[in-house]
């Protein structure tokens, strides 16, 4: 299948790149994106060169990570050499390095710094239609009611910045990185007698940058406090992400909440994290949501495994699934980890592997968790 647009991005910005791909394809704009469109066993570099030779436009998801990526610099340079129009989608307020600035000094800069992301992606689709089909150039979208423009925010910079820093410091939640990930209060709901249902739906992710917030405060404030430990890669993050941040809401069909627990910034390599409970539990139940094919490549979901362990590190129970590729809906599945009568579960490790034959493959890099139910001892 021929492609219209090449999407270049840092692996640390994969949720945004995937959302852009899904929305553009919903507008009939065919996208080439790695690793989805690299055939199993194919040479990575050769596949990128071939793709750049066949597309008609180049979208760069621009962030601090992309800004310092040698691979992205090579892709941009190749695109320029082939005369492709380049549209940088800026998701972080950073200036390009001199080497990148040389290639992307372009009138097509598109700032996507203010939520919701979908508004900016729709404008990106209109820009690409203007470039690809010669349609009338679209007007830039106006700021939503009640939301100040980036320029207005900068005018009051000193006062606003001071206020934000003070509030963040008081909350103990000044996070640095690709985009601010805003911690919000936790909540839990009751199920069967004694059960604790972690209610992800109480967290406001819809208005958060890139539709995600750090999960640690939510988990910490659960009725049985949960700590996130032993993350691999170490720079990865455990977040609650809104379904709108996953292929623009067109690939996952959650039933309990629009928010999903997952691991990001994994660089498409095997990844893991551990949930450690303040008190032992006798059972941990979690749901992996329904996913469906939003693109012609179908559903590609990583292999994953969940292992429950005792305080001494002994494996008590495990569940998991292999790497998945289907061209039909994959129904939601609920899994349960049980402890023997004499010993409780104190940790659950979730591990994911998106690779096929050692090459990044799955559209989702890590397992998605829709809800967690704990049964105290």
Protein backbone atom coordinates (compact mmCIF):
# COMPACT_ATOMS: atom_id res chain seq x y z
CA UNK A 1 0.00 0.00 0.00
CA UNK A 2 1.37 3.44 -0.95
CA UNK A 3 1.74 5.98 1.83
CA UNK A 4 1.19 9.73 1.83
CA UNK A 5 3.08 10.83 4.93
CA UNK A 6 6.16 9.70 6.86
CA UNK A 7 5.90 10.26 10.65
CA UNK A 8 9.26 10.80 12.37
CA UNK A 9 9.39 10.71 16.16
CA UNK A 10 11.46 9.82 19.18
CA UNK A 11 10.47 6.51 20.74
CA UNK A 12 9.85 8.46 23.96
CA UNK A 13 7.04 10.33 22.17
CA UNK A 14 5.36 7.21 20.80
CA UNK A 15 1.89 7.86 22.35
CA UNK A 16 1.69 11.22 20.53
CA UNK A 17 3.00 9.77 17.27
CA UNK A 18 0.51 6.91 17.44
CA UNK A 19 -2.33 9.33 18.12
CA UNK A 20 -1.28 11.46 15.13
CA UNK A 21 -1.10 8.40 12.90
CA UNK A 22 -4.55 7.18 13.94
CA UNK A 23 -6.22 10.54 13.43
CA UNK A 24 -4.56 11.22 10.06
CA UNK A 25 -5.57 7.79 8.80
CA UNK A 26 -9.13 8.42 9.96
CA UNK A 27 -9.00 11.40 7.57
CA UNK A 28 -7.88 9.14 4.72
CA UNK A 29 -4.20 10.20 4.91
CA UNK A 30 -2.08 7.07 4.70
CA UNK A 31 0.85 7.14 7.11
CA UNK A 32 4.14 5.29 7.25
CA UNK A 33 5.31 4.88 10.84
CA UNK A 34 7.91 2.66 12.47
CA UNK A 35 7.86 0.04 13.77
CA UNK A 36 4.38 -0.74 12.48
CA UNK A 37 5.25 -0.54 8.79
CA UNK A 38 8.63 -2.29 8.92
CA UNK A 39 8.19 -5.88 7.80
CA UNK A 40 9.45 -8.58 10.19
CA UNK A 41 13.08 -9.35 9.40
CA UNK A 42 13.49 -6.32 7.12
CA UNK A 43 16.48 -3.99 7.47
CA UNK A 44 15.46 -1.00 9.60
CA UNK A 45 17.55 1.63 7.81
CA UNK A 46 16.68 0.31 4.37
CA UNK A 47 12.97 0.34 5.20
CA UNK A 48 13.17 4.01 6.24
CA UNK A 49 15.00 5.00 3.05
CA UNK A 50 12.43 3.14 0.96
CA UNK A 51 9.54 4.79 2.80
CA UNK A 52 11.00 8.29 2.38
CA UNK A 53 11.30 7.60 -1.34
CA UNK A 54 7.59 6.85 -1.67
CA UNK A 55 5.80 9.41 0.56
CA UNK A 56 4.76 12.96 -0.34
CA UNK A 57 5.15 14.73 3.01
CA UNK A 58 7.07 14.43 6.27
CA UNK A 59 5.66 15.05 9.77
CA UNK A 60 8.15 15.49 12.62
CA UNK A 61 6.84 15.09 16.18
CA UNK A 62 9.17 17.67 17.66
CA UNK A 63 10.22 17.54 21.32
CA UNK A 64 13.39 17.79 23.37
CA UNK A 65 13.91 14.07 22.73
CA UNK A 66 13.55 14.46 18.96
CA UNK A 67 15.76 17.55 19.09
CA UNK A 68 18.77 15.53 20.25
CA UNK A 69 18.16 12.33 18.29
CA UNK A 70 20.80 11.55 15.64
CA UNK A 71 18.36 9.16 13.94
CA UNK A 72 15.74 11.88 13.53
CA UNK A 73 18.37 14.31 12.23
CA UNK A 74 19.25 11.75 9.54
CA UNK A 75 15.59 11.24 8.64
CA UNK A 76 15.01 15.01 8.37
CA UNK A 77 18.11 15.49 6.23
CA UNK A 78 17.04 12.67 3.90
CA UNK A 79 13.54 14.16 3.62
CA UNK A 80 14.99 17.57 2.72
CA UNK A 81 17.25 16.00 0.10
CA UNK A 82 14.20 14.39 -1.47
CA UNK A 83 12.31 17.69 -1.52
CA UNK A 84 9.58 16.60 0.88
CA UNK A 85 7.56 19.30 2.65
CA UNK A 86 8.31 19.03 6.38
CA UNK A 87 5.68 19.84 9.01
CA UNK A 88 7.10 19.91 12.55
CA UNK A 89 4.42 19.20 15.16
CA UNK A 90 5.88 20.86 18.25
CA UNK A 91 4.71 19.19 21.47
CA UNK A 92 7.32 20.86 23.71
CA UNK A 93 8.33 24.50 23.89
CA UNK A 94 11.94 24.00 22.82
CA UNK A 95 13.98 25.54 20.01
CA UNK A 96 15.60 23.28 17.42
CA UNK A 97 19.31 22.66 17.50
CA UNK A 98 21.30 24.48 14.85
CA UNK A 99 21.62 21.35 12.73
CA UNK A 100 17.85 20.77 12.74
CA UNK A 101 17.01 24.47 12.38
CA UNK A 102 18.98 24.52 9.12
CA UNK A 103 16.55 21.96 7.67
CA UNK A 104 13.22 22.88 9.29
CA UNK A 105 13.06 26.67 8.97
CA UNK A 106 9.63 26.32 7.46
CA UNK A 107 6.30 28.19 7.43
CA UNK A 108 4.57 24.94 8.40
CA UNK A 109 5.50 24.92 12.10
CA UNK A 110 2.51 23.66 14.05
CA UNK A 111 2.45 24.20 17.81
CA UNK A 112 0.55 21.56 19.81
CA UNK A 113 1.45 22.81 23.26
CA UNK A 114 -2.03 23.29 24.69
CA UNK A 115 -4.64 20.56 25.16
CA UNK A 116 -6.61 19.02 23.69
CA UNK A 117 -4.15 17.35 21.35
CA UNK A 118 -6.94 16.25 18.99
CA UNK A 119 -7.64 19.87 18.00
CA UNK A 120 -4.06 20.28 16.79
CA UNK A 121 -4.07 16.92 15.03
CA UNK A 122 -7.20 17.87 13.11
CA UNK A 123 -5.44 21.04 11.98
CA UNK A 124 -2.43 18.93 10.98
CA UNK A 125 -4.75 16.80 8.84
CA UNK A 126 -6.11 19.95 7.16
CA UNK A 127 -2.57 21.23 6.50
CA UNK A 128 -1.61 17.93 4.91
CA UNK A 129 -4.72 17.97 2.74
CA UNK A 130 -3.67 21.45 1.61
CA UNK A 131 -0.20 20.12 0.70
CA UNK A 132 -1.27 16.79 -0.79
CA UNK A 133 -4.48 17.76 -2.60
CA UNK A 134 -4.13 21.50 -3.11
CA UNK A 135 -7.11 22.29 -0.92
CA UNK A 136 -7.48 25.79 0.48
CA UNK A 137 -5.01 26.48 3.28
CA UNK A 138 -6.87 26.11 6.59
CA UNK A 139 -6.99 28.82 9.25
CA UNK A 140 -5.19 28.07 12.48
CA UNK A 141 -7.57 26.80 15.18
CA UNK A 142 -8.47 29.34 17.83
CA UNK A 143 -7.87 28.66 21.50
CA UNK A 144 -10.78 26.96 23.28
CA UNK A 145 -12.97 29.24 25.40
CA UNK A 146 -11.44 29.91 28.79
CA UNK A 147 -7.98 28.85 27.73
CA UNK A 148 -5.31 31.51 27.33
CA UNK A 149 -3.08 31.41 24.31
CA UNK A 150 0.57 30.52 24.70
CA UNK A 151 1.51 34.11 23.92
CA UNK A 152 -0.79 35.46 26.63
CA UNK A 153 0.73 33.01 29.09
CA UNK A 154 4.19 34.27 28.25
CA UNK A 155 3.22 37.91 28.85
CA UNK A 156 2.46 37.12 32.46
CA UNK A 157 5.43 34.79 32.62
CA UNK A 158 7.18 35.82 35.81
CA UNK A 159 4.06 35.89 38.01
CA UNK A 160 2.50 32.77 36.51
CA UNK A 161 5.70 30.78 36.69
CA UNK A 162 6.24 31.73 40.32
CA UNK A 163 2.71 30.65 41.19
CA UNK A 164 3.07 27.32 39.40
CA UNK A 165 6.37 26.56 41.10
CA UNK A 166 4.98 27.35 44.54
CA UNK A 167 1.88 25.18 44.01
CA UNK A 168 3.92 22.34 42.57
CA UNK A 169 6.44 22.50 45.39
CA UNK A 170 3.70 22.44 48.02
CA UNK A 171 2.20 19.40 46.36
CA UNK A 172 5.61 17.73 46.15
CA UNK A 173 5.00 17.16 42.46
CA UNK A 174 7.30 19.17 40.23
CA UNK A 175 7.97 16.74 37.40
CA UNK A 176 10.57 17.37 34.73
CA UNK A 177 10.56 15.73 31.32
CA UNK A 178 8.88 15.49 27.94
CA UNK A 179 5.69 17.14 29.11
CA UNK A 180 4.30 17.99 32.54
CA UNK A 181 2.56 14.94 33.97
CA UNK A 182 0.08 16.21 36.51
CA UNK A 183 -0.58 14.14 39.65
CA UNK A 184 -4.18 14.14 40.85
CA UNK A 185 -5.98 12.69 43.88
CA UNK A 186 -6.78 9.02 44.20
CA UNK A 187 -10.04 7.28 44.76
CA UNK A 188 -11.33 3.74 45.17
CA UNK A 189 -14.75 2.20 45.05
CA UNK A 190 -16.21 -0.78 46.83
CA UNK A 191 -17.12 -4.00 45.04
CA UNK A 192 -17.88 -7.29 46.76
CA UNK A 193 -17.47 -7.17 50.54
CA UNK A 194 -13.83 -6.55 51.38
CA UNK A 195 -12.74 -5.90 47.78
CA UNK A 196 -10.97 -2.68 46.83
CA UNK A 197 -11.61 -1.43 43.29
CA UNK A 198 -9.05 1.13 42.14
CA UNK A 199 -11.18 3.62 40.23
CA UNK A 200 -8.95 5.08 37.50
CA UNK A 201 -11.94 7.06 36.18
CA UNK A 202 -11.73 9.63 38.99
CA UNK A 203 -8.50 11.08 37.57
CA UNK A 204 -8.80 13.99 35.11
CA UNK A 205 -6.62 12.99 32.17
CA UNK A 206 -8.74 14.57 29.44
CA UNK A 207 -7.37 18.06 30.14
CA UNK A 208 -3.82 16.97 30.99
CA UNK A 209 -0.90 17.42 28.58
CA UNK A 210 -0.86 14.54 26.11
CA UNK A 211 -3.85 13.07 27.99
CA UNK A 212 -1.72 11.51 30.72
CA UNK A 213 -0.81 11.96 34.37
CA UNK A 214 1.72 10.17 36.57
CA UNK A 215 0.13 7.21 38.31
CA UNK A 216 2.29 7.18 41.46
CA UNK A 217 0.20 9.61 43.58
CA UNK A 218 -3.03 7.80 42.68
CA UNK A 219 -1.58 4.42 43.62
CA UNK A 220 0.06 5.76 46.78
CA UNK A 221 -3.25 7.10 48.10
CA UNK A 222 -5.20 3.88 47.49
CA UNK A 223 -6.79 2.23 50.58
CA UNK A 224 -3.90 -0.23 50.46
CA UNK A 225 -1.02 2.01 49.45
CA UNK A 226 0.83 0.87 46.31
CA UNK A 227 4.36 1.92 45.35
CA UNK A 228 5.82 1.71 41.85
CA UNK A 229 9.25 0.07 42.08
CA UNK A 230 11.90 -1.59 39.89
CA UNK A 231 11.12 0.18 36.62
CA UNK A 232 13.03 -1.01 33.58
CA UNK A 233 14.11 1.00 31.64
CA UNK A 234 14.89 3.27 34.58
CA UNK A 235 13.78 6.40 32.68
CA UNK A 236 10.35 4.95 31.90
CA UNK A 237 7.24 6.23 33.65
CA UNK A 238 4.07 4.62 34.92
CA UNK A 239 1.09 6.75 33.92
CA UNK A 240 -2.65 6.87 33.64
CA UNK A 241 -3.37 7.70 30.01
CA UNK A 242 -6.73 8.69 28.58
CA UNK A 243 -8.00 6.60 25.68
CA UNK A 244 -7.82 9.76 23.53
CA UNK A 245 -4.05 9.57 23.87
CA UNK A 246 -3.98 6.08 22.29
CA UNK A 247 -4.56 6.30 18.54
CA UNK A 248 -6.93 9.22 19.25
CA UNK A 249 -9.34 6.84 20.98
CA UNK A 250 -9.81 4.69 17.89
CA UNK A 251 -8.07 1.46 18.91
CA UNK A 252 -9.09 0.75 22.52
CA UNK A 253 -12.63 0.29 23.80
CA UNK A 254 -12.50 0.45 27.61
CA UNK A 255 -15.62 -0.52 29.53
CA UNK A 256 -14.89 0.69 33.07
CA UNK A 257 -12.94 3.94 32.58
CA UNK A 258 -11.37 5.99 29.80
CA UNK A 259 -8.11 5.91 31.81
CA UNK A 260 -5.62 3.09 31.48
CA UNK A 261 -2.54 2.23 33.54
CA UNK A 262 0.56 1.67 31.41
CA UNK A 263 4.32 2.23 31.08
CA UNK A 264 5.77 4.85 28.71
CA UNK A 265 9.23 5.97 27.53
CA UNK A 266 10.35 2.35 27.08
CA UNK A 267 12.11 2.83 23.70
CA UNK A 268 10.26 -0.18 22.24
CA UNK A 269 12.41 -2.65 24.18
CA UNK A 270 11.37 -5.22 26.80
CA UNK A 271 10.11 -3.29 29.81
CA UNK A 272 8.78 -3.96 33.29
CA UNK A 273 7.60 -2.37 36.50
CA UNK A 274 6.56 -3.68 39.90
CA UNK A 275 3.61 -2.71 42.09
CA UNK A 276 4.46 -3.17 45.78
CA UNK A 277 1.59 -3.31 48.28
CA UNK A 278 1.85 -1.82 51.77
CA UNK A 279 -0.07 -4.85 53.09
CA UNK A 280 -0.23 -8.38 51.66
CA UNK A 281 -3.31 -9.25 49.60
CA UNK A 282 -4.82 -12.63 48.82
CA UNK A 283 -5.88 -11.83 45.26
CA UNK A 284 -5.12 -9.29 42.52
CA UNK A 285 -7.51 -9.04 39.59
CA UNK A 286 -6.96 -6.77 36.59
CA UNK A 287 -8.53 -6.21 33.18
CA UNK A 288 -6.83 -5.71 29.83
CA UNK A 289 -9.26 -3.68 27.68
CA UNK A 290 -10.83 -4.56 24.36
CA UNK A 291 -8.71 -3.48 21.40
CA UNK A 292 -9.78 -3.32 17.77
CA UNK A 293 -8.07 -2.73 14.40
CA UNK A 294 -7.97 1.03 13.80
CA UNK A 295 -5.57 0.80 10.83
CA UNK A 296 -5.03 -1.61 7.92
CA UNK A 297 -2.21 -3.27 9.86
CA UNK A 298 -4.71 -4.59 12.42
CA UNK A 299 -4.14 -4.99 16.14
CA UNK A 300 -0.56 -5.51 17.31
CA UNK A 301 -0.24 -5.97 21.06
CA UNK A 302 2.93 -6.87 22.99
CA UNK A 303 3.66 -10.10 24.74
CA UNK A 304 3.23 -9.54 28.46
CA UNK A 305 3.36 -11.34 31.80
CA UNK A 306 2.24 -10.55 35.36
CA UNK A 307 3.94 -12.32 38.26
CA UNK A 308 2.75 -12.22 41.89
CA UNK A 309 5.40 -12.71 44.57
CA UNK A 310 5.54 -13.07 48.34
CA UNK A 311 7.48 -10.87 50.74
CA UNK A 312 10.38 -13.29 50.39
CA UNK A 313 10.35 -13.07 46.58
CA UNK A 314 8.79 -16.48 45.91
CA UNK A 315 6.60 -16.67 42.80
CA UNK A 316 3.02 -17.37 43.87
CA UNK A 317 1.05 -16.97 40.64
CA UNK A 318 1.46 -15.72 37.08
CA UNK A 319 -0.58 -14.95 33.97
CA UNK A 320 0.31 -13.62 30.54
CA UNK A 321 -0.22 -13.60 26.78
CA UNK A 322 2.04 -13.88 23.73
CA UNK A 323 2.64 -11.25 21.03
CA UNK A 324 -0.64 -10.59 19.26
CA UNK A 325 -1.47 -9.58 15.71
CA UNK A 326 -5.07 -9.80 14.56
CA UNK A 327 -7.31 -8.15 12.01
CA UNK A 328 -10.38 -8.48 14.21
CA UNK A 329 -11.50 -7.22 17.60
CA UNK A 330 -9.69 -8.59 20.64
CA UNK A 331 -12.16 -8.75 23.53
CA UNK A 332 -11.38 -7.51 27.02
CA UNK A 333 -9.90 -10.12 29.33
CA UNK A 334 -9.83 -10.26 33.12
CA UNK A 335 -6.97 -12.05 34.86
CA UNK A 336 -6.57 -13.07 38.50
CA UNK A 337 -3.43 -13.71 40.54
CA UNK A 338 -4.12 -15.77 43.68
CA UNK A 339 -2.02 -16.38 46.76
CA UNK A 340 -1.96 -19.70 48.64
CA UNK A 341 -3.69 -19.77 52.00
CA UNK A 342 -0.43 -19.48 53.96
CA UNK A 343 1.25 -16.55 52.19
CA UNK A 344 0.05 -13.21 50.77
CA UNK A 345 0.95 -11.30 47.62
CA UNK A 346 3.19 -8.30 48.30
CA UNK A 347 4.33 -7.45 44.74
CA UNK A 348 3.13 -7.87 41.18
CA UNK A 349 5.59 -7.38 38.34
CA UNK A 350 4.23 -6.51 34.90
CA UNK A 351 6.60 -7.10 31.98
CA UNK A 352 6.04 -6.40 28.27
CA UNK A 353 7.90 -7.18 25.05
CA UNK A 354 6.77 -5.48 21.79
CA UNK A 355 9.38 -7.21 19.60
CA UNK A 356 9.02 -9.79 16.87
CA UNK A 357 12.25 -11.68 16.11
CA UNK A 358 14.16 -9.08 18.11
CA UNK A 359 12.75 -6.12 16.14
CA UNK A 360 10.19 -3.60 17.58
CA UNK A 361 6.82 -4.59 16.14
CA UNK A 362 3.71 -4.07 18.28
CA UNK A 363 1.72 -0.84 17.96
CA UNK A 364 1.35 -0.81 21.74
CA UNK A 365 4.71 -1.04 23.49
CA UNK A 366 3.43 -2.21 26.87
CA UNK A 367 0.41 -3.85 28.44
CA UNK A 368 -2.67 -1.70 29.14
CA UNK A 369 -4.55 -2.17 32.42
CA UNK A 370 -8.13 -0.95 32.69
CA UNK A 371 -8.79 -1.63 36.36
CA UNK A 372 -7.26 -3.35 39.39
CA UNK A 373 -9.18 -5.11 42.16
CA UNK A 374 -7.48 -6.07 45.41
CA UNK A 375 -8.73 -8.62 47.91
CA UNK A 376 -7.01 -8.01 51.28
CA UNK A 377 -5.94 -10.96 53.40
